[in-house]
Amino acid sequence: MKKILLVLIQLLILCFIFEMGTWITYSYHLAIPGNVVGLVILFMLLWSGIVKLHWIEEASRLLLKHLAFFFVPISVGLITLGHIIQSKGIILFLIITISTIMGLVVTGITSQKMIIKKDLKTNE
């Protein structure tokens, strides 16, 4: 029971940050989705130490564990866009491929730099 309550509180924290991002996007008429603004806010809060990782870790693990489930509505929605995929499929494929490769490269480089930085700190 205690763990369920902990996860619910952590989910509320994450939902609050998401809603804050959505509110900022709506209030300032930004062309960026609210969830992206929320992720930036969460990153800044974690990076600055205002929010500690252990405050949201269990809920984050739960969400990541079931991440594939969240793509089901998107996949079903794609079925209705068959005409667009048929006419622009090659362009979409190239965009998805290039952006995936870019994401992997940036993530890999960032991870390697963070590992090296962490190793340097532990060796000091």
PDB file of N, CA and C in Angstrom:
ATOM      1  N   MET A   1       0.823  -1.200   0.000  1.00  0.00           N
ATOM      2  CA  MET A   1       0.000   0.000   0.000  1.00  0.00           C
ATOM      3  C   MET A   1       0.865   1.262   0.000  1.00  0.00           C
ATOM      4  N   LYS A   2       1.954   1.209   0.772  1.00  0.00           N
ATOM      5  CA  LYS A   2       2.844   2.364   0.873  1.00  0.00           C
ATOM      6  C   LYS A   2       3.489   2.668  -0.477  1.00  0.00           C
ATOM      7  N   LYS A   3       3.885   1.605  -1.215  1.00  0.00           N
ATOM      8  CA  LYS A   3       4.522   1.803  -2.518  1.00  0.00           C
ATOM      9  C   LYS A   3       3.537   2.385  -3.529  1.00  0.00           C
ATOM     10  N   ILE A   4       2.289   1.941  -3.483  1.00  0.00           N
ATOM     11  CA  ILE A   4       1.269   2.473  -4.393  1.00  0.00           C
ATOM     12  C   ILE A   4       1.058   3.954  -4.139  1.00  0.00           C
ATOM     13  N   LEU A   5       0.994   4.338  -2.879  1.00  0.00           N
ATOM     14  CA  LEU A   5       0.825   5.746  -2.524  1.00  0.00           C
ATOM     15  C   LEU A   5       2.029   6.564  -2.995  1.00  0.00           C
ATOM     16  N   LEU A   6       3.223   6.017  -2.838  1.00  0.00           N
ATOM     17  CA  LEU A   6       4.438   6.693  -3.285  1.00  0.00           C
ATOM     18  C   LEU A   6       4.404   6.927  -4.796  1.00  0.00           C
ATOM     19  N   VAL A   7       4.029   5.895  -5.555  1.00  0.00           N
ATOM     20  CA  VAL A   7       3.965   6.016  -7.010  1.00  0.00           C
ATOM     21  C   VAL A   7       2.899   7.031  -7.410  1.00  0.00           C
ATOM     22  N   LEU A   8       1.760   7.032  -6.740  1.00  0.00           N
ATOM     23  CA  LEU A   8       0.705   8.001  -7.051  1.00  0.00           C
ATOM     24  C   LEU A   8       1.160   9.435  -6.805  1.00  0.00           C
ATOM     25  N   ILE A   9       1.864   9.659  -5.713  1.00  0.00           N
ATOM     26  CA  ILE A   9       2.383  10.999  -5.424  1.00  0.00           C
ATOM     27  C   ILE A   9       3.394  11.409  -6.492  1.00  0.00           C
ATOM     28  N   GLN A  10       4.264  10.479  -6.883  1.00  0.00           N
ATOM     29  CA  GLN A  10       5.254  10.779  -7.917  1.00  0.00           C
ATOM     30  C   GLN A  10       4.580  11.048  -9.259  1.00  0.00           C
ATOM     31  N   LEU A  11       3.534  10.298  -9.568  1.00  0.00           N
ATOM     32  CA  LEU A  11       2.777  10.547 -10.801  1.00  0.00           C
ATOM     33  C   LEU A  11       2.124  11.923 -10.771  1.00  0.00           C
ATOM     34  N   LEU A  12       1.649  12.322  -9.602  1.00  0.00           N
ATOM     35  CA  LEU A  12       1.073  13.662  -9.471  1.00  0.00           C
ATOM     36  C   LEU A  12       2.119  14.740  -9.729  1.00  0.00           C
ATOM     37  N   ILE A  13       3.335  14.534  -9.253  1.00  0.00           N
ATOM     38  CA  ILE A  13       4.416  15.489  -9.515  1.00  0.00           C
ATOM     39  C   ILE A  13       4.672  15.583 -11.015  1.00  0.00           C
ATOM     40  N   LEU A  14       4.760  14.432 -11.681  1.00  0.00           N
ATOM     41  CA  LEU A  14       5.002  14.422 -13.121  1.00  0.00           C
ATOM     42  C   LEU A  14       3.839  15.047 -13.886  1.00  0.00           C
ATOM     43  N   CYS A  15       2.616  14.762 -13.455  1.00  0.00           N
ATOM     44  CA  CYS A  15       1.442  15.361 -14.105  1.00  0.00           C
ATOM     45  C   CYS A  15       1.421  16.877 -13.911  1.00  0.00           C
ATOM     46  N   PHE A  16       1.798  17.333 -12.732  1.00  0.00           N
ATOM     47  CA  PHE A  16       1.846  18.772 -12.470  1.00  0.00           C
ATOM     48  C   PHE A  16       2.845  19.457 -13.406  1.00  0.00           C
ATOM     49  N   ILE A  17       4.004  18.846 -13.591  1.00  0.00           N
ATOM     50  CA  ILE A  17       5.023  19.419 -14.480  1.00  0.00           C
ATOM     51  C   ILE A  17       4.515  19.412 -15.925  1.00  0.00           C
ATOM     52  N   PHE A  18       3.839  18.331 -16.332  1.00  0.00           N
ATOM     53  CA  PHE A  18       3.237  18.281 -17.670  1.00  0.00           C
ATOM     54  C   PHE A  18       2.206  19.393 -17.844  1.00  0.00           C
ATOM     55  N   GLU A  19       1.329  19.550 -16.860  1.00  0.00           N
ATOM     56  CA  GLU A  19       0.295  20.588 -16.936  1.00  0.00           C
ATOM     57  C   GLU A  19       0.913  21.986 -16.956  1.00  0.00           C
ATOM     58  N   MET A  20       2.006  22.163 -16.229  1.00  0.00           N
ATOM     59  CA  MET A  20       2.698  23.439 -16.240  1.00  0.00           C
ATOM     60  C   MET A  20       3.218  23.743 -17.647  1.00  0.00           C
ATOM     61  N   GLY A  21       3.797  22.734 -18.309  1.00  0.00           N
ATOM     62  CA  GLY A  21       4.277  22.913 -19.673  1.00  0.00           C
ATOM     63  C   GLY A  21       3.151  23.223 -20.635  1.00  0.00           C
ATOM     64  N   THR A  22       2.021  22.531 -20.469  1.00  0.00           N
ATOM     65  CA  THR A  22       0.862  22.783 -21.316  1.00  0.00           C
ATOM     66  C   THR A  22       0.321  24.186 -21.086  1.00  0.00           C
ATOM     67  N   TRP A  23       0.266  24.609 -19.839  1.00  0.00           N
ATOM     68  CA  TRP A  23      -0.218  25.954 -19.521  1.00  0.00           C
ATOM     69  C   TRP A  23       0.694  27.019 -20.123  1.00  0.00           C
ATOM     70  N   ILE A  24       1.996  26.826 -20.018  1.00  0.00           N
ATOM     71  CA  ILE A  24       2.949  27.790 -20.586  1.00  0.00           C
ATOM     72  C   ILE A  24       2.765  27.883 -22.099  1.00  0.00           C
ATOM     73  N   THR A  25       2.631  26.735 -22.755  1.00  0.00           N
ATOM     74  CA  THR A  25       2.429  26.722 -24.202  1.00  0.00           C
ATOM     75  C   THR A  25       1.150  27.449 -24.584  1.00  0.00           C
ATOM     76  N   TYR A  26       0.080  27.184 -23.846  1.00  0.00           N
ATOM     77  CA  TYR A  26      -1.210  27.813 -24.129  1.00  0.00           C
ATOM     78  C   TYR A  26      -1.166  29.313 -23.834  1.00  0.00           C
ATOM     79  N   SER A  27      -0.585  29.683 -22.702  1.00  0.00           N
ATOM     80  CA  SER A  27      -0.569  31.092 -22.283  1.00  0.00           C
ATOM     81  C   SER A  27       0.266  31.978 -23.198  1.00  0.00           C
ATOM     82  N   TYR A  28       1.381  31.459 -23.661  1.00  0.00           N
ATOM     83  CA  TYR A  28       2.288  32.256 -24.484  1.00  0.00           C
ATOM     84  C   TYR A  28       2.176  31.929 -25.967  1.00  0.00           C
ATOM     85  N   HIS A  29       1.166  31.152 -26.331  1.00  0.00           N
ATOM     86  CA  HIS A  29       0.903  30.799 -27.742  1.00  0.00           C
ATOM     87  C   HIS A  29       2.163  30.280 -28.436  1.00  0.00           C
ATOM     88  N   LEU A  30       2.837  29.360 -27.782  1.00  0.00           N
ATOM     89  CA  LEU A  30       4.062  28.788 -28.336  1.00  0.00           C
ATOM     90  C   LEU A  30       3.730  27.723 -29.374  1.00  0.00           C
ATOM     91  N   ALA A  31       4.604  27.563 -30.353  1.00  0.00           N
ATOM     92  CA  ALA A  31       4.418  26.554 -31.392  1.00  0.00           C
ATOM     93  C   ALA A  31       5.076  25.233 -30.991  1.00  0.00           C
ATOM     94  N   ILE A  32       5.336  25.066 -29.708  1.00  0.00           N
ATOM     95  CA  ILE A  32       5.956  23.850 -29.176  1.00  0.00           C
ATOM     96  C   ILE A  32       4.895  23.127 -28.356  1.00  0.00           C
ATOM     97  N   PRO A  33       4.779  21.810 -28.502  1.00  0.00           N
ATOM     98  CA  PRO A  33       3.796  21.085 -27.686  1.00  0.00           C
ATOM     99  C   PRO A  33       4.068  21.228 -26.189  1.00  0.00           C
ATOM    100  N   GLY A  34       3.004  21.234 -25.416  1.00  0.00           N
ATOM    101  CA  GLY A  34       3.126  21.384 -23.970  1.00  0.00           C
ATOM    102  C   GLY A  34       3.931  20.287 -23.312  1.00  0.00           C
ATOM    103  N   ASN A  35       3.846  19.057 -23.857  1.00  0.00           N
ATOM    104  CA  ASN A  35       4.611  17.970 -23.252  1.00  0.00           C
ATOM    105  C   ASN A  35       6.106  18.167 -23.447  1.00  0.00           C
ATOM    106  N   VAL A  36       6.506  18.782 -24.544  1.00  0.00           N
ATOM    107  CA  VAL A  36       7.933  19.062 -24.772  1.00  0.00           C
ATOM    108  C   VAL A  36       8.397  20.142 -23.791  1.00  0.00           C
ATOM    109  N   VAL A  37       7.585  21.166 -23.618  1.00  0.00           N
ATOM    110  CA  VAL A  37       7.926  22.211 -22.644  1.00  0.00           C
ATOM    111  C   VAL A  37       8.001  21.601 -21.242  1.00  0.00           C
ATOM    112  N   GLY A  38       7.079  20.690 -20.934  1.00  0.00           N
ATOM    113  CA  GLY A  38       7.109  20.001 -19.641  1.00  0.00           C
ATOM    114  C   GLY A  38       8.380  19.190 -19.450  1.00  0.00           C
ATOM    115  N   LEU A  39       8.823  18.512 -20.513  1.00  0.00           N
ATOM    116  CA  LEU A  39      10.076  17.750 -20.421  1.00  0.00           C
ATOM    117  C   LEU A  39      11.271  18.671 -20.172  1.00  0.00           C
ATOM    118  N   VAL A  40      11.267  19.823 -20.824  1.00  0.00           N
ATOM    119  CA  VAL A  40      12.357  20.787 -20.610  1.00  0.00           C
ATOM    120  C   VAL A  40      12.324  21.288 -19.170  1.00  0.00           C
ATOM    121  N   ILE A  41      11.127  21.557 -18.668  1.00  0.00           N
ATOM    122  CA  ILE A  41      10.999  21.998 -17.276  1.00  0.00           C
ATOM    123  C   ILE A  41      11.499  20.913 -16.326  1.00  0.00           C
ATOM    124  N   LEU A  42      11.085  19.664 -16.574  1.00  0.00           N
ATOM    125  CA  LEU A  42      11.536  18.561 -15.730  1.00  0.00           C
ATOM    126  C   LEU A  42      13.048  18.411 -15.774  1.00  0.00           C
ATOM    127  N   PHE A  43      13.618  18.512 -16.977  1.00  0.00           N
ATOM    128  CA  PHE A  43      15.078  18.424 -17.106  1.00  0.00           C
ATOM    129  C   PHE A  43      15.755  19.521 -16.295  1.00  0.00           C
ATOM    130  N   MET A  44      15.259  20.743 -16.421  1.00  0.00           N
ATOM    131  CA  MET A  44      15.869  21.861 -15.691  1.00  0.00           C
ATOM    132  C   MET A  44      15.723  21.680 -14.169  1.00  0.00           C
ATOM    133  N   LEU A  45      14.566  21.185 -13.737  1.00  0.00           N
ATOM    134  CA  LEU A  45      14.364  20.958 -12.303  1.00  0.00           C
ATOM    135  C   LEU A  45      15.293  19.871 -11.769  1.00  0.00           C
ATOM    136  N   LEU A  46      15.473  18.809 -12.555  1.00  0.00           N
ATOM    137  CA  LEU A  46      16.391  17.739 -12.143  1.00  0.00           C
ATOM    138  C   LEU A  46      17.838  18.211 -12.190  1.00  0.00           C
ATOM    139  N   TRP A  47      18.187  18.926 -13.234  1.00  0.00           N
ATOM    140  CA  TRP A  47      19.562  19.401 -13.410  1.00  0.00           C
ATOM    141  C   TRP A  47      19.962  20.380 -12.307  1.00  0.00           C
ATOM    142  N   SER A  48      19.014  21.256 -11.945  1.00  0.00           N
ATOM    143  CA  SER A  48      19.317  22.253 -10.918  1.00  0.00           C
ATOM    144  C   SER A  48      19.260  21.670  -9.500  1.00  0.00           C
ATOM    145  N   GLY A  49      18.667  20.499  -9.356  1.00  0.00           N
ATOM    146  CA  GLY A  49      18.576  19.880  -8.042  1.00  0.00           C
ATOM    147  C   GLY A  49      17.331  20.288  -7.265  1.00  0.00           C
ATOM    148  N   ILE A  50      16.464  21.097  -7.884  1.00  0.00           N
ATOM    149  CA  ILE A  50      15.221  21.494  -7.211  1.00  0.00           C
ATOM    150  C   ILE A  50      14.346  20.265  -6.992  1.00  0.00           C
ATOM    151  N   VAL A  51      14.287  19.411  -8.008  1.00  0.00           N
ATOM    152  CA  VAL A  51      13.595  18.123  -7.888  1.00  0.00           C
ATOM    153  C   VAL A  51      14.659  17.041  -7.848  1.00  0.00           C
ATOM    154  N   LYS A  52      14.596  16.198  -6.846  1.00  0.00           N
ATOM    155  CA  LYS A  52      15.555  15.094  -6.719  1.00  0.00           C
ATOM    156  C   LYS A  52      15.031  13.893  -7.497  1.00  0.00           C
ATOM    157  N   LEU A  53      15.949  13.124  -8.072  1.00  0.00           N
ATOM    158  CA  LEU A  53      15.579  11.975  -8.885  1.00  0.00           C
ATOM    159  C   LEU A  53      14.728  10.979  -8.110  1.00  0.00           C
ATOM    160  N   HIS A  54      15.069  10.739  -6.859  1.00  0.00           N
ATOM    161  CA  HIS A  54      14.313   9.751  -6.085  1.00  0.00           C
ATOM    162  C   HIS A  54      12.876  10.189  -5.808  1.00  0.00           C
ATOM    163  N   TRP A  55      12.555  11.461  -6.029  1.00  0.00           N
ATOM    164  CA  TRP A  55      11.188  11.942  -5.856  1.00  0.00           C
ATOM    165  C   TRP A  55      10.257  11.423  -6.949  1.00  0.00           C
ATOM    166  N   ILE A  56      10.828  11.098  -8.122  1.00  0.00           N
ATOM    167  CA  ILE A  56       9.995  10.679  -9.261  1.00  0.00           C
ATOM    168  C   ILE A  56      10.444   9.353  -9.866  1.00  0.00           C
ATOM    169  N   GLU A  57      11.409   8.705  -9.264  1.00  0.00           N
ATOM    170  CA  GLU A  57      12.044   7.536  -9.863  1.00  0.00           C
ATOM    171  C   GLU A  57      11.094   6.342 -10.040  1.00  0.00           C
ATOM    172  N   GLU A  58      10.320   6.016  -9.031  1.00  0.00           N
ATOM    173  CA  GLU A  58       9.428   4.845  -9.115  1.00  0.00           C
ATOM    174  C   GLU A  58       8.353   5.050 -10.182  1.00  0.00           C
ATOM    175  N   ALA A  59       7.740   6.228 -10.222  1.00  0.00           N
ATOM    176  CA  ALA A  59       6.715   6.501 -11.228  1.00  0.00           C
ATOM    177  C   ALA A  59       7.324   6.512 -12.625  1.00  0.00           C
ATOM    178  N   SER A  60       8.533   7.033 -12.748  1.00  0.00           N
ATOM    179  CA  SER A  60       9.219   7.049 -14.046  1.00  0.00           C
ATOM    180  C   SER A  60       9.508   5.639 -14.523  1.00  0.00           C
ATOM    181  N   ARG A  61       9.942   4.784 -13.614  1.00  0.00           N
ATOM    182  CA  ARG A  61      10.180   3.375 -13.980  1.00  0.00           C
ATOM    183  C   ARG A  61       8.894   2.701 -14.450  1.00  0.00           C
ATOM    184  N   LEU A  62       7.801   2.964 -13.748  1.00  0.00           N
ATOM    185  CA  LEU A  62       6.526   2.387 -14.130  1.00  0.00           C
ATOM    186  C   LEU A  62       6.121   2.840 -15.535  1.00  0.00           C
ATOM    187  N   LEU A  63       6.252   4.124 -15.805  1.00  0.00           N
ATOM    188  CA  LEU A  63       5.889   4.652 -17.122  1.00  0.00           C
ATOM    189  C   LEU A  63       6.797   4.104 -18.218  1.00  0.00           C
ATOM    190  N   LEU A  64       8.088   4.010 -17.941  1.00  0.00           N
ATOM    191  CA  LEU A  64       9.014   3.472 -18.939  1.00  0.00           C
ATOM    192  C   LEU A  64       8.781   1.984 -19.193  1.00  0.00           C
ATOM    193  N   LYS A  65       8.404   1.271 -18.152  1.00  0.00           N
ATOM    194  CA  LYS A  65       8.140  -0.158 -18.288  1.00  0.00           C
ATOM    195  C   LYS A  65       6.982  -0.408 -19.255  1.00  0.00           C
ATOM    196  N   HIS A  66       6.016   0.478 -19.261  1.00  0.00           N
ATOM    197  CA  HIS A  66       4.827   0.326 -20.099  1.00  0.00           C
ATOM    198  C   HIS A  66       4.810   1.318 -21.271  1.00  0.00           C
ATOM    199  N   LEU A  67       5.969   1.788 -21.674  1.00  0.00           N
ATOM    200  CA  LEU A  67       6.067   2.801 -22.728  1.00  0.00           C
ATOM    201  C   LEU A  67       5.457   2.345 -24.047  1.00  0.00           C
ATOM    202  N   ALA A  68       5.677   1.098 -24.420  1.00  0.00           N
ATOM    203  CA  ALA A  68       5.153   0.594 -25.698  1.00  0.00           C
ATOM    204  C   ALA A  68       3.630   0.690 -25.746  1.00  0.00           C
ATOM    205  N   PHE A  69       2.988   0.513 -24.602  1.00  0.00           N
ATOM    206  CA  PHE A  69       1.532   0.598 -24.534  1.00  0.00           C
ATOM    207  C   PHE A  69       1.027   1.978 -24.961  1.00  0.00           C
ATOM    208  N   PHE A  70       1.796   3.028 -24.686  1.00  0.00           N
ATOM    209  CA  PHE A  70       1.363   4.382 -25.013  1.00  0.00           C
ATOM    210  C   PHE A  70       1.405   4.668 -26.513  1.00  0.00           C
ATOM    211  N   PHE A  71       2.059   3.808 -27.290  1.00  0.00           N
ATOM    212  CA  PHE A  71       2.129   4.010 -28.730  1.00  0.00           C
ATOM    213  C   PHE A  71       0.957   3.367 -29.473  1.00  0.00           C
ATOM    214  N   VAL A  72       0.131   2.597 -28.786  1.00  0.00           N
ATOM    215  CA  VAL A  72      -1.008   1.942 -29.439  1.00  0.00           C
ATOM    216  C   VAL A  72      -1.969   2.971 -30.051  1.00  0.00           C
ATOM    217  N   PRO A  73      -2.396   4.016 -29.330  1.00  0.00           N
ATOM    218  CA  PRO A  73      -3.307   4.991 -29.959  1.00  0.00           C
ATOM    219  C   PRO A  73      -2.694   5.670 -31.186  1.00  0.00           C
ATOM    220  N   ILE A  74      -1.407   5.944 -31.136  1.00  0.00           N
ATOM    221  CA  ILE A  74      -0.741   6.568 -32.279  1.00  0.00           C
ATOM    222  C   ILE A  74      -0.759   5.618 -33.464  1.00  0.00           C
ATOM    223  N   SER A  75      -0.478   4.355 -33.219  1.00  0.00           N
ATOM    224  CA  SER A  75      -0.458   3.361 -34.298  1.00  0.00           C
ATOM    225  C   SER A  75      -1.836   3.199 -34.917  1.00  0.00           C
ATOM    226  N   VAL A  76      -2.867   3.179 -34.098  1.00  0.00           N
ATOM    227  CA  VAL A  76      -4.231   3.070 -34.612  1.00  0.00           C
ATOM    228  C   VAL A  76      -4.582   4.322 -35.412  1.00  0.00           C
ATOM    229  N   GLY A  77      -4.143   5.479 -34.947  1.00  0.00           N
ATOM    230  CA  GLY A  77      -4.398   6.723 -35.674  1.00  0.00           C
ATOM    231  C   GLY A  77      -3.727   6.756 -37.035  1.00  0.00           C
ATOM    232  N   LEU A  78      -2.585   6.109 -37.167  1.00  0.00           N
ATOM    233  CA  LEU A  78      -1.886   6.066 -38.451  1.00  0.00           C
ATOM    234  C   LEU A  78      -2.680   5.322 -39.522  1.00  0.00           C
ATOM    235  N   ILE A  79      -3.521   4.417 -39.099  1.00  0.00           N
ATOM    236  CA  ILE A  79      -4.327   3.660 -40.059  1.00  0.00           C
ATOM    237  C   ILE A  79      -5.217   4.598 -40.869  1.00  0.00           C
ATOM    238  N   THR A  80      -5.690   5.664 -40.248  1.00  0.00           N
ATOM    239  CA  THR A  80      -6.562   6.606 -40.946  1.00  0.00           C
ATOM    240  C   THR A  80      -5.792   7.523 -41.891  1.00  0.00           C
ATOM    241  N   LEU A  81      -4.474   7.502 -41.827  1.00  0.00           N
ATOM    242  CA  LEU A  81      -3.648   8.379 -42.654  1.00  0.00           C
ATOM    243  C   LEU A  81      -2.989   7.627 -43.806  1.00  0.00           C
ATOM    244  N   GLY A  82      -3.594   6.551 -44.258  1.00  0.00           N
ATOM    245  CA  GLY A  82      -3.013   5.733 -45.321  1.00  0.00           C
ATOM    246  C   GLY A  82      -2.731   6.495 -46.594  1.00  0.00           C
ATOM    247  N   HIS A  83      -3.611   7.417 -46.972  1.00  0.00           N
ATOM    248  CA  HIS A  83      -3.406   8.192 -48.205  1.00  0.00           C
ATOM    249  C   HIS A  83      -2.176   9.091 -48.122  1.00  0.00           C
ATOM    250  N   ILE A  84      -1.915   9.639 -46.949  1.00  0.00           N
ATOM    251  CA  ILE A  84      -0.721  10.482 -46.773  1.00  0.00           C
ATOM    252  C   ILE A  84       0.533   9.619 -46.807  1.00  0.00           C
ATOM    253  N   ILE A  85       0.487   8.492 -46.137  1.00  0.00           N
ATOM    254  CA  ILE A  85       1.637   7.586 -46.135  1.00  0.00           C
ATOM    255  C   ILE A  85       1.921   7.083 -47.542  1.00  0.00           C
ATOM    256  N   GLN A  86       0.864   6.841 -48.299  1.00  0.00           N
ATOM    257  CA  GLN A  86       1.041   6.351 -49.661  1.00  0.00           C
ATOM    258  C   GLN A  86       1.666   7.419 -50.558  1.00  0.00           C
ATOM    259  N   SER A  87       1.252   8.666 -50.418  1.00  0.00           N
ATOM    260  CA  SER A  87       1.780   9.714 -51.303  1.00  0.00           C
ATOM    261  C   SER A  87       3.112  10.293 -50.823  1.00  0.00           C
ATOM    262  N   LYS A  88       3.341  10.342 -49.534  1.00  0.00           N
ATOM    263  CA  LYS A  88       4.561  10.951 -48.978  1.00  0.00           C
ATOM    264  C   LYS A  88       5.408   9.962 -48.192  1.00  0.00           C
ATOM    265  N   GLY A  89       5.202   8.675 -48.420  1.00  0.00           N
ATOM    266  CA  GLY A  89       5.852   7.634 -47.630  1.00  0.00           C
ATOM    267  C   GLY A  89       7.362   7.682 -47.638  1.00  0.00           C
ATOM    268  N   ILE A  90       7.957   7.920 -48.807  1.00  0.00           N
ATOM    269  CA  ILE A  90       9.431   7.940 -48.907  1.00  0.00           C
ATOM    270  C   ILE A  90       9.998   9.108 -48.109  1.00  0.00           C
ATOM    271  N   ILE A  91       9.363  10.266 -48.212  1.00  0.00           N
ATOM    272  CA  ILE A  91       9.830  11.444 -47.469  1.00  0.00           C
ATOM    273  C   ILE A  91       9.700  11.188 -45.965  1.00  0.00           C
ATOM    274  N   LEU A  92       8.559  10.651 -45.551  1.00  0.00           N
ATOM    275  CA  LEU A  92       8.360  10.335 -44.133  1.00  0.00           C
ATOM    276  C   LEU A  92       9.390   9.327 -43.646  1.00  0.00           C
ATOM    277  N   PHE A  93       9.650   8.305 -44.446  1.00  0.00           N
ATOM    278  CA  PHE A  93      10.645   7.302 -44.080  1.00  0.00           C
ATOM    279  C   PHE A  93      12.024   7.932 -43.902  1.00  0.00           C
ATOM    280  N   LEU A  94      12.409   8.814 -44.813  1.00  0.00           N
ATOM    281  CA  LEU A  94      13.710   9.484 -44.712  1.00  0.00           C
ATOM    282  C   LEU A  94      13.785  10.374 -43.463  1.00  0.00           C
ATOM    283  N   ILE A  95      12.724  11.108 -43.217  1.00  0.00           N
ATOM    284  CA  ILE A  95      12.706  11.986 -42.040  1.00  0.00           C
ATOM    285  C   ILE A  95      12.822  11.155 -40.760  1.00  0.00           C
ATOM    286  N   ILE A  96      12.064  10.075 -40.675  1.00  0.00           N
ATOM    287  CA  ILE A  96      12.099   9.226 -39.483  1.00  0.00           C
ATOM    288  C   ILE A  96      13.480   8.590 -39.323  1.00  0.00           C
ATOM    289  N   THR A  97      14.047   8.104 -40.423  1.00  0.00           N
ATOM    290  CA  THR A  97      15.361   7.463 -40.363  1.00  0.00           C
ATOM    291  C   THR A  97      16.440   8.449 -39.937  1.00  0.00           C
ATOM    292  N   ILE A  98      16.476   9.607 -40.575  1.00  0.00           N
ATOM    293  CA  ILE A  98      17.504  10.613 -40.262  1.00  0.00           C
ATOM    294  C   ILE A  98      17.351  11.112 -38.820  1.00  0.00           C
ATOM    295  N   SER A  99      16.118  11.393 -38.395  1.00  0.00           N
ATOM    296  CA  SER A  99      15.936  11.890 -37.028  1.00  0.00           C
ATOM    297  C   SER A  99      16.271  10.817 -35.989  1.00  0.00           C
ATOM    298  N   THR A 100      15.994   9.554 -36.303  1.00  0.00           N
ATOM    299  CA  THR A 100      16.361   8.469 -35.387  1.00  0.00           C
ATOM    300  C   THR A 100      17.878   8.359 -35.262  1.00  0.00           C
ATOM    301  N   ILE A 101      18.563   8.404 -36.387  1.00  0.00           N
ATOM    302  CA  ILE A 101      20.029   8.328 -36.364  1.00  0.00           C
ATOM    303  C   ILE A 101      20.607   9.512 -35.597  1.00  0.00           C
ATOM    304  N   MET A 102      20.064  10.705 -35.838  1.00  0.00           N
ATOM    305  CA  MET A 102      20.548  11.888 -35.120  1.00  0.00           C
ATOM    306  C   MET A 102      20.327  11.742 -33.615  1.00  0.00           C
ATOM    307  N   GLY A 103      19.148  11.242 -33.232  1.00  0.00           N
ATOM    308  CA  GLY A 103      18.858  11.041 -31.813  1.00  0.00           C
ATOM    309  C   GLY A 103      19.800  10.042 -31.176  1.00  0.00           C
ATOM    310  N   LEU A 104      20.078   8.947 -31.888  1.00  0.00           N
ATOM    311  CA  LEU A 104      21.003   7.939 -31.366  1.00  0.00           C
ATOM    312  C   LEU A 104      22.417   8.490 -31.219  1.00  0.00           C
ATOM    313  N   VAL A 105      22.859   9.241 -32.218  1.00  0.00           N
ATOM    314  CA  VAL A 105      24.214   9.802 -32.177  1.00  0.00           C
ATOM    315  C   VAL A 105      24.339  10.799 -31.025  1.00  0.00           C
ATOM    316  N   VAL A 106      23.386  11.713 -30.917  1.00  0.00           N
ATOM    317  CA  VAL A 106      23.449  12.725 -29.853  1.00  0.00           C
ATOM    318  C   VAL A 106      23.372  12.059 -28.478  1.00  0.00           C
ATOM    319  N   THR A 107      22.488  11.079 -28.337  1.00  0.00           N
ATOM    320  CA  THR A 107      22.381  10.363 -27.060  1.00  0.00           C
ATOM    321  C   THR A 107      23.667   9.618 -26.740  1.00  0.00           C
ATOM    322  N   GLY A 108      24.252   8.960 -27.729  1.00  0.00           N
ATOM    323  CA  GLY A 108      25.503   8.232 -27.518  1.00  0.00           C
ATOM    324  C   GLY A 108      26.644   9.146 -27.119  1.00  0.00           C
ATOM    325  N   ILE A 109      26.789  10.254 -27.832  1.00  0.00           N
ATOM    326  CA  ILE A 109      27.862  11.207 -27.516  1.00  0.00           C
ATOM    327  C   ILE A 109      27.668  11.790 -26.114  1.00  0.00           C
ATOM    328  N   THR A 110      26.429  12.181 -25.812  1.00  0.00           N
ATOM    329  CA  THR A 110      26.139  12.754 -24.493  1.00  0.00           C
ATOM    330  C   THR A 110      26.413  11.733 -23.388  1.00  0.00           C
ATOM    331  N   SER A 111      25.991  10.493 -23.590  1.00  0.00           N
ATOM    332  CA  SER A 111      26.225   9.452 -22.590  1.00  0.00           C
ATOM    333  C   SER A 111      27.709   9.213 -22.377  1.00  0.00           C
ATOM    334  N   GLN A 112      28.466   9.148 -23.472  1.00  0.00           N
ATOM    335  CA  GLN A 112      29.908   8.926 -23.352  1.00  0.00           C
ATOM    336  C   GLN A 112      30.572  10.067 -22.591  1.00  0.00           C
ATOM    337  N   LYS A 113      30.186  11.301 -22.895  1.00  0.00           N
ATOM    338  CA  LYS A 113      30.782  12.442 -22.186  1.00  0.00           C
ATOM    339  C   LYS A 113      30.428  12.423 -20.711  1.00  0.00           C
ATOM    340  N   MET A 114      29.181  12.044 -20.386  1.00  0.00           N
ATOM    341  CA  MET A 114      28.783  11.981 -18.984  1.00  0.00           C
ATOM    342  C   MET A 114      29.518  10.870 -18.244  1.00  0.00           C
ATOM    343  N   ILE A 115      29.730   9.739 -18.904  1.00  0.00           N
ATOM    344  CA  ILE A 115      30.474   8.637 -18.285  1.00  0.00           C
ATOM    345  C   ILE A 115      31.911   9.053 -18.033  1.00  0.00           C
ATOM    346  N   ILE A 116      32.541   9.704 -19.004  1.00  0.00           N
ATOM    347  CA  ILE A 116      33.924  10.163 -18.845  1.00  0.00           C
ATOM    348  C   ILE A 116      34.009  11.183 -17.714  1.00  0.00           C
ATOM    349  N   LYS A 117      33.048  12.111 -17.683  1.00  0.00           N
ATOM    350  CA  LYS A 117      33.032  13.123 -16.627  1.00  0.00           C
ATOM    351  C   LYS A 117      32.861  12.476 -15.252  1.00  0.00           C
ATOM    352  N   LYS A 118      31.992  11.478 -15.155  1.00  0.00           N
ATOM    353  CA  LYS A 118      31.773  10.787 -13.901  1.00  0.00           C
ATOM    354  C   LYS A 118      33.028  10.029 -13.469  1.00  0.00           C
ATOM    355  N   ASP A 119      33.691   9.372 -14.433  1.00  0.00           N
ATOM    356  CA  ASP A 119      34.933   8.631 -14.130  1.00  0.00           C
ATOM    357  C   ASP A 119      36.022   9.580 -13.644  1.00  0.00           C
ATOM    358  N   LEU A 120      36.111  10.761 -14.265  1.00  0.00           N
ATOM    359  CA  LEU A 120      37.124  11.736 -13.836  1.00  0.00           C
ATOM    360  C   LEU A 120      36.858  12.201 -12.409  1.00  0.00           C
ATOM    361  N   LYS A 121      35.583  12.394 -12.070  1.00  0.00           N
ATOM    362  CA  LYS A 121      35.251  12.831 -10.712  1.00  0.00           C
ATOM    363  C   LYS A 121      35.566  11.751  -9.679  1.00  0.00           C
ATOM    364  N   THR A 122      35.301  10.496 -10.020  1.00  0.00           N
ATOM    365  CA  THR A 122      35.553   9.412  -9.058  1.00  0.00           C
ATOM    366  C   THR A 122      37.049   9.136  -8.892  1.00  0.00           C
ATOM    367  N   ASN A 123      37.858   9.454  -9.902  1.00  0.00           N
ATOM    368  CA  ASN A 123      39.294   9.215  -9.823  1.00  0.00           C
ATOM    369  C   ASN A 123      40.038  10.338  -9.108  1.00  0.00           C
ATOM    370  N   GLU A 124      39.367  11.440  -8.856  1.00  0.00           N
ATOM    371  CA  GLU A 124      40.045  12.573  -8.213  1.00  0.00           C
ATOM    372  C   GLU A 124      40.254  12.344  -6.747  1.00  0.00           C
TER     373      GLU A 124
END
